[in-house]
């Protein structure tokens, strides 16, 4: 199932590795800066370090458990258009009826290749392959023993190309992603300790989809109108994200209920880092209960050290294109 994907991606990867030219730090398309988002991946290809990302919420267990996740991710560009990211998370669970348990989730990697960028229309597209490496985490916190492969499409579109009569809408941007998660094992067998029978749990193939709506105060000031707002306000990007999962096949024991969260929040962005805070609002009871919160510190390595850590392995270092050139 993955072979057709790689047959399509490989020619572009070869071109990217051989056609090394000028690179641009961070994901700036035309006048549009696409920030890193907390729940879904942004559409760009960059050198970044997200550490830590901290979230606390009540999960969808029956009854729900209090869950604390502390995670991090490091992304490294191989070329201007191709990057590899590695991430992991530590989870602490406190069921109301059992002692607390803690452990690491499976290690995840993402290979991402940017396939199109249109500065005039502030539009960018990328494709990627996410891999969750089974057996690298703790079963006590739900980490599976099998790999999961997720081919994914990413996009970002700024609305800066709207006519001047719609200036109020030009700072808006949308991003999105659509993936298809395929477990390496179609079912998991276990022994029922009460009956001695062999039980089979089917591992569903899942459509993973999400998006964000953003309103960029930096864009408003630099490309629409300067309202002489306080400088702190000019660095803010209010945002609403959503991240959903829909089982679509092999669902005999898992069902087909869509789960996920909606996440309103705000980002503060600078030239070298950003800070984000979002609420975690479950879309249904199977997704959790109550409202949680998450926060993240995100470092732009391609802006912090463009000739070292932020330089593509195959590529030349250039002066970073910063969201706030005067700072």
C-alpha atoms as a PDB file:
ATOM      1  CA  UNK A   1       0.000   0.000   0.000  1.00  0.00           C
ATOM      2  CA  UNK A   2       2.893   2.329   0.702  1.00  0.00           C
ATOM      3  CA  UNK A   3       4.845   1.458  -2.447  1.00  0.00           C
ATOM      4  CA  UNK A   4       2.689   3.568  -4.826  1.00  0.00           C
ATOM      5  CA  UNK A   5       3.188   6.551  -2.516  1.00  0.00           C
ATOM      6  CA  UNK A   6       6.959   6.224  -2.627  1.00  0.00           C
ATOM      7  CA  UNK A   7       6.949   5.699  -6.398  1.00  0.00           C
ATOM      8  CA  UNK A   8       5.245   9.076  -6.714  1.00  0.00           C
ATOM      9  CA  UNK A   9       7.365  10.828  -4.092  1.00  0.00           C
ATOM     10  CA  UNK A  10      10.773   9.476  -5.093  1.00  0.00           C
ATOM     11  CA  UNK A  11      11.216  11.486  -8.334  1.00  0.00           C
ATOM     12  CA  UNK A  12      10.503  14.712  -6.484  1.00  0.00           C
ATOM     13  CA  UNK A  13      12.872  13.726  -3.704  1.00  0.00           C
ATOM     14  CA  UNK A  14      15.668  13.042  -6.191  1.00  0.00           C
ATOM     15  CA  UNK A  15      15.123  16.454  -7.772  1.00  0.00           C
ATOM     16  CA  UNK A  16      15.177  18.084  -4.348  1.00  0.00           C
ATOM     17  CA  UNK A  17      18.460  16.423  -3.421  1.00  0.00           C
ATOM     18  CA  UNK A  18      20.184  17.384  -6.646  1.00  0.00           C
ATOM     19  CA  UNK A  19      18.799  20.859  -7.391  1.00  0.00           C
ATOM     20  CA  UNK A  20      20.273  22.721  -4.420  1.00  0.00           C
ATOM     21  CA  UNK A  21      19.848  26.470  -4.574  1.00  0.00           C
ATOM     22  CA  UNK A  22      18.880  29.375  -2.396  1.00  0.00           C
ATOM     23  CA  UNK A  23      16.797  28.473   0.642  1.00  0.00           C
ATOM     24  CA  UNK A  24      14.327  30.483   2.680  1.00  0.00           C
ATOM     25  CA  UNK A  25      14.173  30.081   6.423  1.00  0.00           C
ATOM     26  CA  UNK A  26      10.805  29.269   7.970  1.00  0.00           C
ATOM     27  CA  UNK A  27       7.494  29.036   6.121  1.00  0.00           C
ATOM     28  CA  UNK A  28       6.908  32.470   4.614  1.00  0.00           C
ATOM     29  CA  UNK A  29       4.930  32.370   1.362  1.00  0.00           C
ATOM     30  CA  UNK A  30       4.735  35.781  -0.265  1.00  0.00           C
ATOM     31  CA  UNK A  31       3.757  38.126   2.577  1.00  0.00           C
ATOM     32  CA  UNK A  32       2.224  35.280   4.590  1.00  0.00           C
ATOM     33  CA  UNK A  33       3.914  33.738   7.622  1.00  0.00           C
ATOM     34  CA  UNK A  34       2.440  30.337   8.533  1.00  0.00           C
ATOM     35  CA  UNK A  35       3.123  29.677  12.230  1.00  0.00           C
ATOM     36  CA  UNK A  36       3.579  26.254  13.758  1.00  0.00           C
ATOM     37  CA  UNK A  37       0.266  24.959  15.107  1.00  0.00           C
ATOM     38  CA  UNK A  38      -0.180  22.889  18.258  1.00  0.00           C
ATOM     39  CA  UNK A  39      -2.626  20.145  17.245  1.00  0.00           C
ATOM     40  CA  UNK A  40      -2.031  19.610  13.550  1.00  0.00           C
ATOM     41  CA  UNK A  41       1.184  19.981  11.572  1.00  0.00           C
ATOM     42  CA  UNK A  42       1.753  23.218   9.682  1.00  0.00           C
ATOM     43  CA  UNK A  43       2.104  22.977   5.879  1.00  0.00           C
ATOM     44  CA  UNK A  44       5.735  24.088   5.798  1.00  0.00           C
ATOM     45  CA  UNK A  45       9.131  22.395   5.857  1.00  0.00           C
ATOM     46  CA  UNK A  46      11.466  23.890   8.454  1.00  0.00           C
ATOM     47  CA  UNK A  47      14.177  23.379  11.064  1.00  0.00           C
ATOM     48  CA  UNK A  48      12.250  23.576  14.327  1.00  0.00           C
ATOM     49  CA  UNK A  49      12.225  22.395  17.928  1.00  0.00           C
ATOM     50  CA  UNK A  50       8.921  22.177  19.802  1.00  0.00           C
ATOM     51  CA  UNK A  51       9.757  21.576  23.450  1.00  0.00           C
ATOM     52  CA  UNK A  52       7.902  21.300  25.627  1.00  0.00           C
ATOM     53  CA  UNK A  53       4.287  20.813  24.599  1.00  0.00           C
ATOM     54  CA  UNK A  54       2.223  20.248  27.745  1.00  0.00           C
ATOM     55  CA  UNK A  55      -1.445  19.237  27.778  1.00  0.00           C
ATOM     56  CA  UNK A  56      -3.846  18.270  30.552  1.00  0.00           C
ATOM     57  CA  UNK A  57      -7.375  16.918  30.055  1.00  0.00           C
ATOM     58  CA  UNK A  58      -9.822  14.129  30.905  1.00  0.00           C
ATOM     59  CA  UNK A  59      -9.675  11.438  28.221  1.00  0.00           C
ATOM     60  CA  UNK A  60     -12.442   9.329  26.674  1.00  0.00           C
ATOM     61  CA  UNK A  61     -12.044   6.264  28.914  1.00  0.00           C
ATOM     62  CA  UNK A  62     -15.074   4.929  30.793  1.00  0.00           C
ATOM     63  CA  UNK A  63     -14.966   6.451  33.366  1.00  0.00           C
ATOM     64  CA  UNK A  64     -12.525   9.141  32.167  1.00  0.00           C
ATOM     65  CA  UNK A  65      -8.957   9.363  33.442  1.00  0.00           C
ATOM     66  CA  UNK A  66      -7.020  12.537  34.082  1.00  0.00           C
ATOM     67  CA  UNK A  67      -4.226  12.640  31.498  1.00  0.00           C
ATOM     68  CA  UNK A  68      -1.077  14.731  31.393  1.00  0.00           C
ATOM     69  CA  UNK A  69       1.103  14.660  28.263  1.00  0.00           C
ATOM     70  CA  UNK A  70       4.549  16.232  27.954  1.00  0.00           C
ATOM     71  CA  UNK A  71       5.956  15.941  24.444  1.00  0.00           C
ATOM     72  CA  UNK A  72       8.602  17.305  22.110  1.00  0.00           C
ATOM     73  CA  UNK A  73       9.490  17.239  18.420  1.00  0.00           C
ATOM     74  CA  UNK A  74      12.613  18.060  16.419  1.00  0.00           C
ATOM     75  CA  UNK A  75      12.392  18.728  12.667  1.00  0.00           C
ATOM     76  CA  UNK A  76      15.457  18.867  10.408  1.00  0.00           C
ATOM     77  CA  UNK A  77      15.550  19.906   6.751  1.00  0.00           C
ATOM     78  CA  UNK A  78      17.537  17.633   4.471  1.00  0.00           C
ATOM     79  CA  UNK A  79      16.978  20.048   1.580  1.00  0.00           C
ATOM     80  CA  UNK A  80      14.956  23.245   1.306  1.00  0.00           C
ATOM     81  CA  UNK A  81      11.863  21.175   0.463  1.00  0.00           C
ATOM     82  CA  UNK A  82      12.370  17.918   2.390  1.00  0.00           C
ATOM     83  CA  UNK A  83      12.513  17.425   6.171  1.00  0.00           C
ATOM     84  CA  UNK A  84      12.421  14.653   8.756  1.00  0.00           C
ATOM     85  CA  UNK A  85      10.828  15.148  12.173  1.00  0.00           C
ATOM     86  CA  UNK A  86      11.159  12.944  15.263  1.00  0.00           C
ATOM     87  CA  UNK A  87       8.854  13.234  18.255  1.00  0.00           C
ATOM     88  CA  UNK A  88       7.861  11.530  21.449  1.00  0.00           C
ATOM     89  CA  UNK A  89       5.610  12.012  24.470  1.00  0.00           C
ATOM     90  CA  UNK A  90       5.506  11.057  28.141  1.00  0.00           C
ATOM     91  CA  UNK A  91       2.034  10.329  29.537  1.00  0.00           C
ATOM     92  CA  UNK A  92       0.733  10.281  33.108  1.00  0.00           C
ATOM     93  CA  UNK A  93      -2.711   8.702  33.635  1.00  0.00           C
ATOM     94  CA  UNK A  94      -4.750   8.907  36.853  1.00  0.00           C
ATOM     95  CA  UNK A  95      -7.920   6.813  36.720  1.00  0.00           C
ATOM     96  CA  UNK A  96     -10.406   7.608  39.471  1.00  0.00           C
ATOM     97  CA  UNK A  97     -10.510   3.964  40.552  1.00  0.00           C
ATOM     98  CA  UNK A  98      -6.888   2.778  40.096  1.00  0.00           C
ATOM     99  CA  UNK A  99      -3.354   3.914  40.942  1.00  0.00           C
ATOM    100  CA  UNK A 100      -1.704   6.330  38.521  1.00  0.00           C
ATOM    101  CA  UNK A 101       0.494   4.973  35.713  1.00  0.00           C
ATOM    102  CA  UNK A 102       3.133   6.727  33.616  1.00  0.00           C
ATOM    103  CA  UNK A 103       5.220   5.922  30.579  1.00  0.00           C
ATOM    104  CA  UNK A 104       6.346   6.975  27.135  1.00  0.00           C
ATOM    105  CA  UNK A 105       4.231   6.776  24.010  1.00  0.00           C
ATOM    106  CA  UNK A 106       5.667   5.258  20.838  1.00  0.00           C
ATOM    107  CA  UNK A 107       8.301   7.268  18.993  1.00  0.00           C
ATOM    108  CA  UNK A 108       6.936   8.939  15.848  1.00  0.00           C
ATOM    109  CA  UNK A 109       8.672  10.221  12.730  1.00  0.00           C
ATOM    110  CA  UNK A 110       7.382  12.336   9.848  1.00  0.00           C
ATOM    111  CA  UNK A 111       8.961  12.604   6.407  1.00  0.00           C
ATOM    112  CA  UNK A 112       7.599  15.719   4.681  1.00  0.00           C
ATOM    113  CA  UNK A 113       8.189  17.058   1.163  1.00  0.00           C
ATOM    114  CA  UNK A 114       6.893  20.444  -0.005  1.00  0.00           C
ATOM    115  CA  UNK A 115       5.462  19.998  -3.501  1.00  0.00           C
ATOM    116  CA  UNK A 116       4.153  23.481  -4.335  1.00  0.00           C
ATOM    117  CA  UNK A 117       4.468  27.091  -3.215  1.00  0.00           C
ATOM    118  CA  UNK A 118       2.698  30.096  -4.779  1.00  0.00           C
ATOM    119  CA  UNK A 119       3.804  33.405  -3.186  1.00  0.00           C
ATOM    120  CA  UNK A 120       1.289  35.526  -5.130  1.00  0.00           C
ATOM    121  CA  UNK A 121      -1.659  33.584  -3.720  1.00  0.00           C
ATOM    122  CA  UNK A 122      -0.012  32.682  -0.383  1.00  0.00           C
ATOM    123  CA  UNK A 123      -0.563  28.997  -1.063  1.00  0.00           C
ATOM    124  CA  UNK A 124       1.615  26.024  -0.100  1.00  0.00           C
ATOM    125  CA  UNK A 125       1.176  22.230  -0.282  1.00  0.00           C
ATOM    126  CA  UNK A 126       3.209  19.352   1.147  1.00  0.00           C
ATOM    127  CA  UNK A 127       2.955  15.569   1.347  1.00  0.00           C
ATOM    128  CA  UNK A 128       4.315  13.379   4.101  1.00  0.00           C
ATOM    129  CA  UNK A 129       4.550   9.937   5.600  1.00  0.00           C
ATOM    130  CA  UNK A 130       4.124   9.594   9.353  1.00  0.00           C
ATOM    131  CA  UNK A 131       5.354   6.437  11.106  1.00  0.00           C
ATOM    132  CA  UNK A 132       4.506   5.431  14.660  1.00  0.00           C
ATOM    133  CA  UNK A 133       7.121   2.886  15.703  1.00  0.00           C
ATOM    134  CA  UNK A 134       5.344   0.089  17.564  1.00  0.00           C
ATOM    135  CA  UNK A 135       6.928  -1.307  20.708  1.00  0.00           C
ATOM    136  CA  UNK A 136       8.991   1.798  21.483  1.00  0.00           C
ATOM    137  CA  UNK A 137       6.533   2.987  24.146  1.00  0.00           C
ATOM    138  CA  UNK A 138       4.816   1.563  27.219  1.00  0.00           C
ATOM    139  CA  UNK A 139       1.695  -0.581  26.932  1.00  0.00           C
ATOM    140  CA  UNK A 140       0.620   0.771  30.343  1.00  0.00           C
ATOM    141  CA  UNK A 141      -0.275   4.112  28.730  1.00  0.00           C
ATOM    142  CA  UNK A 142      -1.746   2.630  25.543  1.00  0.00           C
ATOM    143  CA  UNK A 143       1.284   2.393  23.241  1.00  0.00           C
ATOM    144  CA  UNK A 144       0.727  -0.344  20.652  1.00  0.00           C
ATOM    145  CA  UNK A 145       3.250  -3.011  19.659  1.00  0.00           C
ATOM    146  CA  UNK A 146       2.775  -2.553  15.904  1.00  0.00           C
ATOM    147  CA  UNK A 147       3.754   0.214  13.495  1.00  0.00           C
ATOM    148  CA  UNK A 148       1.189   2.607  12.064  1.00  0.00           C
ATOM    149  CA  UNK A 149       1.849   4.296   8.688  1.00  0.00           C
ATOM    150  CA  UNK A 150       0.025   7.526   7.802  1.00  0.00           C
ATOM    151  CA  UNK A 151       0.435   9.115   4.335  1.00  0.00           C
ATOM    152  CA  UNK A 152      -0.734  12.714   4.723  1.00  0.00           C
ATOM    153  CA  UNK A 153      -1.479  15.768   2.584  1.00  0.00           C
ATOM    154  CA  UNK A 154      -0.931  19.278   4.035  1.00  0.00           C
ATOM    155  CA  UNK A 155      -1.942  22.696   2.723  1.00  0.00           C
ATOM    156  CA  UNK A 156      -1.958  26.349   3.747  1.00  0.00           C
ATOM    157  CA  UNK A 157      -3.781  29.288   2.125  1.00  0.00           C
ATOM    158  CA  UNK A 158      -3.620  32.940   3.103  1.00  0.00           C
ATOM    159  CA  UNK A 159      -6.397  35.305   2.032  1.00  0.00           C
ATOM    160  CA  UNK A 160      -4.094  38.204   1.213  1.00  0.00           C
ATOM    161  CA  UNK A 161      -5.050  38.020  -2.457  1.00  0.00           C
ATOM    162  CA  UNK A 162      -8.597  39.212  -1.720  1.00  0.00           C
ATOM    163  CA  UNK A 163      -9.547  42.624  -3.193  1.00  0.00           C
ATOM    164  CA  UNK A 164      -9.008  45.815  -1.215  1.00  0.00           C
ATOM    165  CA  UNK A 165     -12.746  46.019  -0.583  1.00  0.00           C
ATOM    166  CA  UNK A 166     -12.287  42.985   1.709  1.00  0.00           C
ATOM    167  CA  UNK A 167      -9.282  44.279   3.636  1.00  0.00           C
ATOM    168  CA  UNK A 168     -10.862  43.100   6.888  1.00  0.00           C
ATOM    169  CA  UNK A 169     -10.538  39.475   5.727  1.00  0.00           C
ATOM    170  CA  UNK A 170      -7.046  39.553   4.234  1.00  0.00           C
ATOM    171  CA  UNK A 171      -5.235  38.684   7.530  1.00  0.00           C
ATOM    172  CA  UNK A 172      -7.150  35.370   7.657  1.00  0.00           C
ATOM    173  CA  UNK A 173      -5.464  32.097   6.682  1.00  0.00           C
ATOM    174  CA  UNK A 174      -6.503  28.468   6.732  1.00  0.00           C
ATOM    175  CA  UNK A 175      -4.399  25.321   6.995  1.00  0.00           C
ATOM    176  CA  UNK A 176      -5.368  21.680   6.870  1.00  0.00           C
ATOM    177  CA  UNK A 177      -4.240  18.107   6.661  1.00  0.00           C
ATOM    178  CA  UNK A 178      -5.791  14.804   5.594  1.00  0.00           C
ATOM    179  CA  UNK A 179      -4.153  11.452   6.332  1.00  0.00           C
ATOM    180  CA  UNK A 180      -4.949   7.744   6.238  1.00  0.00           C
ATOM    181  CA  UNK A 181      -3.538   5.717   9.145  1.00  0.00           C
ATOM    182  CA  UNK A 182      -2.801   2.079   8.268  1.00  0.00           C
ATOM    183  CA  UNK A 183      -1.750  -0.262  11.097  1.00  0.00           C
ATOM    184  CA  UNK A 184       0.873  -2.851  10.202  1.00  0.00           C
ATOM    185  CA  UNK A 185      -1.159  -5.496  12.039  1.00  0.00           C
ATOM    186  CA  UNK A 186      -4.822  -5.952  11.095  1.00  0.00           C
ATOM    187  CA  UNK A 187      -5.783  -7.500  14.432  1.00  0.00           C
ATOM    188  CA  UNK A 188      -4.335  -8.152  17.860  1.00  0.00           C
ATOM    189  CA  UNK A 189      -4.851 -11.531  19.528  1.00  0.00           C
ATOM    190  CA  UNK A 190      -5.033 -12.022  23.294  1.00  0.00           C
ATOM    191  CA  UNK A 191      -5.991 -14.759  25.750  1.00  0.00           C
ATOM    192  CA  UNK A 192      -9.134 -14.235  27.788  1.00  0.00           C
ATOM    193  CA  UNK A 193      -8.018 -15.057  31.340  1.00  0.00           C
ATOM    194  CA  UNK A 194     -11.592 -15.892  32.411  1.00  0.00           C
ATOM    195  CA  UNK A 195     -12.501 -18.315  29.633  1.00  0.00           C
ATOM    196  CA  UNK A 196      -9.159 -19.262  28.105  1.00  0.00           C
ATOM    197  CA  UNK A 197     -10.463 -18.313  24.675  1.00  0.00           C
ATOM    198  CA  UNK A 198      -8.469 -16.339  22.119  1.00  0.00           C
ATOM    199  CA  UNK A 199      -9.918 -12.850  21.640  1.00  0.00           C
ATOM    200  CA  UNK A 200      -9.291 -10.790  18.505  1.00  0.00           C
ATOM    201  CA  UNK A 201      -9.280  -7.004  18.502  1.00  0.00           C
ATOM    202  CA  UNK A 202      -9.373  -5.482  15.023  1.00  0.00           C
ATOM    203  CA  UNK A 203      -7.078  -2.505  14.421  1.00  0.00           C
ATOM    204  CA  UNK A 204      -9.020   0.015  12.360  1.00  0.00           C
ATOM    205  CA  UNK A 205      -7.744   1.998   9.407  1.00  0.00           C
ATOM    206  CA  UNK A 206      -8.433   5.621  10.292  1.00  0.00           C
ATOM    207  CA  UNK A 207      -8.985   8.835   8.356  1.00  0.00           C
ATOM    208  CA  UNK A 208      -7.149  11.585  10.259  1.00  0.00           C
ATOM    209  CA  UNK A 209      -8.186  15.083   9.332  1.00  0.00           C
ATOM    210  CA  UNK A 210      -7.938  18.554  10.775  1.00  0.00           C
ATOM    211  CA  UNK A 211      -7.447  22.211  10.090  1.00  0.00           C
ATOM    212  CA  UNK A 212      -7.015  25.687  11.488  1.00  0.00           C
ATOM    213  CA  UNK A 213      -8.430  29.173  10.989  1.00  0.00           C
ATOM    214  CA  UNK A 214      -5.985  31.954  11.840  1.00  0.00           C
ATOM    215  CA  UNK A 215      -6.146  35.744  12.023  1.00  0.00           C
ATOM    216  CA  UNK A 216      -2.659  37.229  11.781  1.00  0.00           C
ATOM    217  CA  UNK A 217      -2.120  40.531  13.571  1.00  0.00           C
ATOM    218  CA  UNK A 218       1.438  40.698  12.125  1.00  0.00           C
ATOM    219  CA  UNK A 219      -0.084  40.461   8.627  1.00  0.00           C
ATOM    220  CA  UNK A 220      -2.673  43.114   9.454  1.00  0.00           C
ATOM    221  CA  UNK A 221       0.053  45.577  10.420  1.00  0.00           C
ATOM    222  CA  UNK A 222       2.572  44.802   7.671  1.00  0.00           C
ATOM    223  CA  UNK A 223       0.301  44.156   4.658  1.00  0.00           C
ATOM    224  CA  UNK A 224      -3.122  45.738   5.322  1.00  0.00           C
ATOM    225  CA  UNK A 225      -3.145  48.655   7.781  1.00  0.00           C
ATOM    226  CA  UNK A 226      -1.138  49.780  10.795  1.00  0.00           C
ATOM    227  CA  UNK A 227      -3.640  50.552  13.559  1.00  0.00           C
ATOM    228  CA  UNK A 228      -0.879  51.681  15.956  1.00  0.00           C
ATOM    229  CA  UNK A 229      -1.743  48.899  18.349  1.00  0.00           C
ATOM    230  CA  UNK A 230       0.593  47.932  21.212  1.00  0.00           C
ATOM    231  CA  UNK A 231       3.557  45.907  19.944  1.00  0.00           C
ATOM    232  CA  UNK A 232       2.486  42.873  21.983  1.00  0.00           C
ATOM    233  CA  UNK A 233      -0.855  42.801  20.117  1.00  0.00           C
ATOM    234  CA  UNK A 234       0.913  43.037  16.759  1.00  0.00           C
ATOM    235  CA  UNK A 235       2.649  39.713  17.497  1.00  0.00           C
ATOM    236  CA  UNK A 236      -0.561  37.752  18.189  1.00  0.00           C
ATOM    237  CA  UNK A 237      -2.309  35.216  15.956  1.00  0.00           C
ATOM    238  CA  UNK A 238      -5.709  34.129  17.330  1.00  0.00           C
ATOM    239  CA  UNK A 239      -6.424  30.619  16.084  1.00  0.00           C
ATOM    240  CA  UNK A 240      -9.015  27.855  16.158  1.00  0.00           C
ATOM    241  CA  UNK A 241      -7.824  24.338  15.342  1.00  0.00           C
ATOM    242  CA  UNK A 242      -9.666  21.045  15.035  1.00  0.00           C
ATOM    243  CA  UNK A 243      -8.215  17.537  14.931  1.00  0.00           C
ATOM    244  CA  UNK A 244     -10.454  14.531  14.190  1.00  0.00           C
ATOM    245  CA  UNK A 245     -10.133  10.791  13.593  1.00  0.00           C
ATOM    246  CA  UNK A 246     -12.719   8.669  11.771  1.00  0.00           C
ATOM    247  CA  UNK A 247     -12.350   4.853  11.595  1.00  0.00           C
ATOM    248  CA  UNK A 248     -13.235   3.830   8.046  1.00  0.00           C
ATOM    249  CA  UNK A 249     -12.433   0.112   7.711  1.00  0.00           C
ATOM    250  CA  UNK A 250     -11.574  -2.977   9.766  1.00  0.00           C
ATOM    251  CA  UNK A 251     -13.822  -1.597  12.503  1.00  0.00           C
ATOM    252  CA  UNK A 252     -15.591  -4.728  13.794  1.00  0.00           C
ATOM    253  CA  UNK A 253     -14.416  -4.194  17.377  1.00  0.00           C
ATOM    254  CA  UNK A 254     -13.606  -0.474  17.342  1.00  0.00           C
ATOM    255  CA  UNK A 255     -16.711   1.094  15.762  1.00  0.00           C
ATOM    256  CA  UNK A 256     -16.913   4.061  13.405  1.00  0.00           C
ATOM    257  CA  UNK A 257     -17.456   6.987  15.783  1.00  0.00           C
ATOM    258  CA  UNK A 258     -15.497  10.120  14.902  1.00  0.00           C
ATOM    259  CA  UNK A 259     -13.470  11.459  17.816  1.00  0.00           C
ATOM    260  CA  UNK A 260     -11.313  14.530  18.284  1.00  0.00           C
ATOM    261  CA  UNK A 261     -11.093  18.026  19.700  1.00  0.00           C
ATOM    262  CA  UNK A 262     -11.666  21.675  18.834  1.00  0.00           C
ATOM    263  CA  UNK A 263      -8.929  23.977  20.084  1.00  0.00           C
ATOM    264  CA  UNK A 264      -9.417  27.759  20.298  1.00  0.00           C
ATOM    265  CA  UNK A 265      -6.370  29.698  21.428  1.00  0.00           C
ATOM    266  CA  UNK A 266      -3.721  32.253  20.602  1.00  0.00           C
ATOM    267  CA  UNK A 267      -0.105  32.286  19.425  1.00  0.00           C
ATOM    268  CA  UNK A 268       2.494  34.931  20.187  1.00  0.00           C
ATOM    269  CA  UNK A 269       5.138  34.893  17.448  1.00  0.00           C
ATOM    270  CA  UNK A 270       8.558  36.491  17.281  1.00  0.00           C
ATOM    271  CA  UNK A 271      11.548  36.204  14.986  1.00  0.00           C
ATOM    272  CA  UNK A 272      13.114  33.294  16.863  1.00  0.00           C
ATOM    273  CA  UNK A 273      10.346  31.553  18.797  1.00  0.00           C
ATOM    274  CA  UNK A 274       6.636  31.406  19.453  1.00  0.00           C
ATOM    275  CA  UNK A 275       4.460  30.584  22.453  1.00  0.00           C
ATOM    276  CA  UNK A 276       0.995  29.072  22.073  1.00  0.00           C
ATOM    277  CA  UNK A 277      -1.902  28.316  24.432  1.00  0.00           C
ATOM    278  CA  UNK A 278      -5.101  26.535  23.405  1.00  0.00           C
ATOM    279  CA  UNK A 279      -8.148  25.017  25.074  1.00  0.00           C
ATOM    280  CA  UNK A 280      -8.948  21.329  24.482  1.00  0.00           C
ATOM    281  CA  UNK A 281     -12.680  20.888  23.808  1.00  0.00           C
ATOM    282  CA  UNK A 282     -13.759  17.279  23.044  1.00  0.00           C
ATOM    283  CA  UNK A 283     -16.308  16.902  20.247  1.00  0.00           C
ATOM    284  CA  UNK A 284     -18.177  14.071  22.024  1.00  0.00           C
ATOM    285  CA  UNK A 285     -18.048  11.843  25.108  1.00  0.00           C
ATOM    286  CA  UNK A 286     -15.826   9.293  23.348  1.00  0.00           C
ATOM    287  CA  UNK A 287     -13.225  12.061  22.902  1.00  0.00           C
ATOM    288  CA  UNK A 288     -13.109  13.148  26.539  1.00  0.00           C
ATOM    289  CA  UNK A 289     -15.004  15.171  29.136  1.00  0.00           C
ATOM    290  CA  UNK A 290     -14.664  18.737  30.301  1.00  0.00           C
ATOM    291  CA  UNK A 291     -12.273  21.299  28.884  1.00  0.00           C
ATOM    292  CA  UNK A 292      -8.519  20.819  28.995  1.00  0.00           C
ATOM    293  CA  UNK A 293      -5.593  23.072  28.142  1.00  0.00           C
ATOM    294  CA  UNK A 294      -2.336  22.812  26.231  1.00  0.00           C
ATOM    295  CA  UNK A 295       0.690  25.077  25.854  1.00  0.00           C
ATOM    296  CA  UNK A 296       3.838  24.987  23.727  1.00  0.00           C
ATOM    297  CA  UNK A 297       7.189  26.682  23.316  1.00  0.00           C
ATOM    298  CA  UNK A 298       8.351  26.459  19.695  1.00  0.00           C
ATOM    299  CA  UNK A 299      11.857  27.456  18.572  1.00  0.00           C
ATOM    300  CA  UNK A 300      12.650  28.504  14.987  1.00  0.00           C
ATOM    301  CA  UNK A 301      16.073  26.922  14.512  1.00  0.00           C
ATOM    302  CA  UNK A 302      16.287  28.142  10.909  1.00  0.00           C
ATOM    303  CA  UNK A 303      16.096  31.725  12.222  1.00  0.00           C
ATOM    304  CA  UNK A 304      18.136  31.229  15.412  1.00  0.00           C
ATOM    305  CA  UNK A 305      21.111  29.592  13.698  1.00  0.00           C
ATOM    306  CA  UNK A 306      20.708  29.795   9.889  1.00  0.00           C
ATOM    307  CA  UNK A 307      24.331  28.773   9.220  1.00  0.00           C
ATOM    308  CA  UNK A 308      24.377  25.872  11.680  1.00  0.00           C
ATOM    309  CA  UNK A 309      21.452  23.966  13.188  1.00  0.00           C
ATOM    310  CA  UNK A 310      18.998  25.778  10.921  1.00  0.00           C
ATOM    311  CA  UNK A 311      20.814  25.127   7.654  1.00  0.00           C
ATOM    312  CA  UNK A 312      19.620  22.303   5.357  1.00  0.00           C
ATOM    313  CA  UNK A 313      22.081  19.423   5.166  1.00  0.00           C
ATOM    314  CA  UNK A 314      22.165  19.854   1.385  1.00  0.00           C
ATOM    315  CA  UNK A 315      21.834  23.561   0.773  1.00  0.00           C
ATOM    316  CA  UNK A 316      23.325  27.010   1.270  1.00  0.00           C
ATOM    317  CA  UNK A 317      22.730  29.263   4.251  1.00  0.00           C
ATOM    318  CA  UNK A 318      21.073  32.619   3.547  1.00  0.00           C
ATOM    319  CA  UNK A 319      19.767  35.495   5.630  1.00  0.00           C
ATOM    320  CA  UNK A 320      16.512  34.346   7.276  1.00  0.00           C
ATOM    321  CA  UNK A 321      13.205  35.825   6.111  1.00  0.00           C
ATOM    322  CA  UNK A 322      11.801  36.963   9.453  1.00  0.00           C
ATOM    323  CA  UNK A 323       8.181  37.730  10.327  1.00  0.00           C
ATOM    324  CA  UNK A 324       9.349  41.036  11.924  1.00  0.00           C
ATOM    325  CA  UNK A 325      12.295  42.299   9.821  1.00  0.00           C
ATOM    326  CA  UNK A 326      12.748  45.432  11.897  1.00  0.00           C
ATOM    327  CA  UNK A 327      13.198  43.544  15.188  1.00  0.00           C
END
